[in-house]
Protein backbone atom coordinates (compact mmCIF):
# COMPACT_ATOMS: atom_id res chain seq x y z
CA UNK A 1 0.00 0.00 0.00
CA UNK A 2 0.98 3.65 -0.24
CA UNK A 3 1.53 3.88 3.53
CA UNK A 4 4.01 1.00 3.36
CA UNK A 5 5.94 2.70 0.58
CA UNK A 6 5.98 5.97 2.54
CA UNK A 7 7.25 4.04 5.57
CA UNK A 8 10.11 2.57 3.51
CA UNK A 9 10.93 6.05 2.17
CA UNK A 10 11.13 7.47 5.70
CA UNK A 11 13.36 4.59 6.80
CA UNK A 12 15.63 5.19 3.80
CA UNK A 13 15.87 8.88 4.75
CA UNK A 14 16.80 7.88 8.29
CA UNK A 15 19.47 5.54 6.90
CA UNK A 16 20.74 8.27 4.57
CA UNK A 17 21.10 10.69 7.47
CA UNK A 18 23.60 8.37 9.13
CA UNK A 19 25.76 7.48 6.09
CA UNK A 20 29.30 8.68 5.52
CA UNK A 21 30.02 6.76 2.30
CA UNK A 22 29.20 8.53 -0.97
CA UNK A 23 28.54 5.42 -3.04
CA UNK A 24 26.16 4.02 -0.43
CA UNK A 25 24.40 7.38 -0.18
CA UNK A 26 23.85 7.39 -3.95
CA UNK A 27 22.29 3.93 -3.76
CA UNK A 28 19.98 5.00 -0.92
CA UNK A 29 18.94 8.15 -2.79
CA UNK A 30 18.20 6.04 -5.90
CA UNK A 31 16.05 3.74 -3.77
CA UNK A 32 14.24 6.77 -2.33
CA UNK A 33 13.57 8.04 -5.85
CA UNK A 34 12.16 4.65 -6.80
CA UNK A 35 9.83 4.60 -3.80
CA UNK A 36 8.75 8.17 -4.58
CA UNK A 37 7.80 7.28 -8.14
CA UNK A 38 6.04 4.10 -6.98
CA UNK A 39 4.07 6.07 -4.40
CA UNK A 40 3.09 8.70 -6.97
CA UNK A 41 1.80 6.08 -9.39
CA UNK A 42 -0.06 4.34 -6.56
CA UNK A 43 -1.72 7.58 -5.49
CA UNK A 44 -2.85 8.30 -9.05
CA UNK A 45 -4.30 4.79 -9.35
CA UNK A 46 -6.15 5.20 -6.05
CA UNK A 47 -7.52 8.57 -7.11
CA UNK A 48 -8.81 7.28 -10.42
CA UNK A 49 -10.32 4.06 -9.10
CA UNK A 50 -11.67 4.94 -5.64
CA UNK A 51 -12.89 8.54 -5.94
CA UNK A 52 -16.37 9.23 -7.34
CA UNK A 53 -16.29 10.71 -10.82
CA UNK A 54 -17.90 13.97 -9.74
CA UNK A 55 -15.13 14.60 -7.17
CA UNK A 56 -12.20 13.13 -9.07
CA UNK A 57 -11.01 16.38 -10.66
CA UNK A 58 -11.05 18.19 -7.33
CA UNK A 59 -9.16 15.41 -5.57
CA UNK A 60 -6.52 15.17 -8.31
CA UNK A 61 -6.12 18.97 -8.24
CA UNK A 62 -5.61 18.86 -4.47
CA UNK A 63 -3.09 16.03 -4.83
CA UNK A 64 -1.23 18.01 -7.52
CA UNK A 65 -0.99 21.06 -5.26
CA UNK A 66 0.26 18.92 -2.37
CA UNK A 67 2.88 17.23 -4.54
CA UNK A 68 4.13 20.59 -5.84
CA UNK A 69 4.24 22.14 -2.35
CA UNK A 70 6.18 19.26 -0.79
CA UNK A 71 9.73 20.05 -2.06
CA UNK A 72 9.79 23.76 -1.15
CA UNK A 73 8.11 23.15 2.21
CA UNK A 74 10.51 20.35 3.07
CA UNK A 75 13.48 22.41 1.92
CA UNK A 76 12.38 25.29 4.13
CA UNK A 77 12.00 23.03 7.17
CA UNK A 78 15.33 21.24 6.59
CA UNK A 79 17.05 24.60 6.01
CA UNK A 80 15.66 25.99 9.24
CA UNK A 81 16.60 22.84 11.16
CA UNK A 82 20.09 22.92 9.63
CA UNK A 83 20.59 26.43 10.98
CA UNK A 84 20.07 24.90 14.44
CA UNK A 85 21.43 21.36 14.04
CA UNK A 86 23.88 19.49 11.80
CA UNK A 87 22.51 18.42 8.40
CA UNK A 88 22.49 14.72 9.24
CA UNK A 89 20.47 15.41 12.38
CA UNK A 90 18.04 17.55 10.37
CA UNK A 91 17.44 14.66 7.97
CA UNK A 92 16.98 12.29 10.90
CA UNK A 93 14.41 14.65 12.46
CA UNK A 94 12.49 14.82 9.17
CA UNK A 95 12.53 11.01 8.91
CA UNK A 96 11.19 10.66 12.46
CA UNK A 97 8.45 13.20 11.71
CA UNK A 98 7.54 11.19 8.60
CA UNK A 99 7.48 7.93 10.54
CA UNK A 100 5.29 9.52 13.22
CA UNK A 101 2.87 10.82 10.59
CA UNK A 102 2.67 7.41 8.93
CA UNK A 103 2.12 5.75 12.31
CA UNK A 104 -0.69 8.19 13.06
CA UNK A 105 -2.35 7.44 9.74
CA UNK A 106 -1.96 3.69 10.22
CA UNK A 107 -3.47 3.94 13.69
CA UNK A 108 -6.56 5.46 12.14
CA UNK A 109 -6.33 8.72 14.06
CA UNK A 110 -6.74 10.77 10.88
CA UNK A 111 -9.65 8.66 9.62
CA UNK A 112 -11.46 8.94 12.97
CA UNK A 113 -11.02 12.72 12.98
CA UNK A 114 -12.60 13.00 9.53
């Protein structure tokens, strides 16, 4: 599922934050890119198969905005954290935040709130 792929991506980011070897870092980043593409395709499939036709355009538009806002928002947060902490620690913090968010979603907290 998409949550499992997001979980793997967060774990890869946590692993990347602790690496000191360039070649291993490149492999981890390539794996993260693969999980990102897989998650994007999975989200599009879910949108087109599970959302009612009358709401599909709105949902895909919202997903597009979220996907486009993710890189600058993440860069801002990591930049701010890096001004306070080392870069590797900033990446680790972002990975832990991602894991916590995925755990919250898996626990059904978000679904119960909606």
